[in-house]
Amino acid sequence: MVLDEPTEADEVFKVNGFTMVVNKSLLDLTKALTVDFVDQGIVSGFRVLSEVPIGGGGCGTSCSC
């Protein structure tokens, strides 16, 4: 599966047979990412976890809605 081909503006990471292409301008935001494949019954796919706070919703700072 290929979502994008790397360009000069990208950094390419290869870990455990998985290739990840990240735009160099976004490296600071992606340093704390964990990408994992989940296969738990009806739930399967890639899970991306981040230690970097991602934008806030309109309902407050302590909820995840």
Protein backbone atom coordinates (compact mmCIF):
# COMPACT_ATOMS: atom_id res chain seq x y z
CA MET A 1 0.00 0.00 0.00
CA VAL A 2 1.47 3.35 -1.02
CA LEU A 3 -0.17 6.60 -0.03
CA ASP A 4 2.56 8.90 -1.27
CA GLU A 5 5.96 8.70 -2.91
CA PRO A 6 8.82 10.38 -1.00
CA THR A 7 10.16 13.70 -2.25
CA GLU A 8 13.17 15.81 -1.25
CA ALA A 9 10.94 17.47 1.36
CA ASP A 10 10.38 14.13 3.12
CA GLU A 11 12.24 11.98 5.61
CA VAL A 12 11.84 8.22 5.16
CA PHE A 13 11.86 5.85 8.15
CA LYS A 14 11.97 2.05 7.85
CA VAL A 15 11.19 0.12 11.02
CA ASN A 16 10.32 -3.60 11.25
CA GLY A 17 9.39 -3.80 7.56
CA PHE A 18 7.17 -0.72 7.75
CA THR A 19 8.06 2.40 5.75
CA MET A 20 6.84 5.78 6.94
CA VAL A 21 7.20 8.98 4.92
CA VAL A 22 7.09 12.23 6.93
CA ASN A 23 7.38 15.76 5.60
CA LYS A 24 10.51 17.28 7.17
CA SER A 25 8.57 20.36 8.29
CA LEU A 26 6.38 18.08 10.46
CA LEU A 27 9.17 16.09 12.16
CA ASP A 28 8.83 17.92 15.48
CA LEU A 29 5.16 16.94 15.64
CA THR A 30 5.78 13.30 14.73
CA LYS A 31 8.66 12.49 17.09
CA ALA A 32 6.26 11.26 19.74
CA LEU A 33 4.16 9.04 17.44
CA THR A 34 3.61 5.33 17.86
CA VAL A 35 2.16 3.40 14.92
CA ASP A 36 0.77 -0.05 15.67
CA PHE A 37 -1.38 -2.57 13.82
CA VAL A 38 -4.37 -3.72 15.86
CA ASP A 39 -6.33 -6.91 15.11
CA GLN A 40 -8.90 -7.44 17.84
CA GLY A 41 -12.01 -9.16 16.52
CA ILE A 42 -14.07 -6.62 14.59
CA VAL A 43 -11.46 -3.89 15.14
CA SER A 44 -8.44 -4.06 12.87
CA GLY A 45 -6.17 -1.50 11.28
CA PHE A 46 -3.40 0.93 12.07
CA ARG A 47 -3.56 2.84 15.33
CA VAL A 48 -1.56 6.07 15.63
CA LEU A 49 -0.89 7.30 19.15
CA SER A 50 0.65 10.67 19.89
CA GLU A 51 2.10 12.23 23.02
CA VAL A 52 1.74 15.64 21.35
CA PRO A 53 -1.58 17.35 22.11
CA ILE A 54 -3.70 17.66 18.99
CA GLY A 55 -6.00 20.69 18.64
CA GLY A 56 -8.87 21.25 20.99
CA GLY A 57 -12.52 20.55 20.46
CA GLY A 58 -15.27 23.01 21.12
CA CYS A 59 -16.46 21.36 24.33
CA GLY A 60 -13.54 22.02 26.68
CA THR A 61 -9.95 21.03 27.30
CA SER A 62 -10.47 17.95 29.42
CA CYS A 63 -12.66 15.83 27.16
CA SER A 64 -11.94 13.87 24.00
CA CYS A 65 -15.13 14.56 22.06
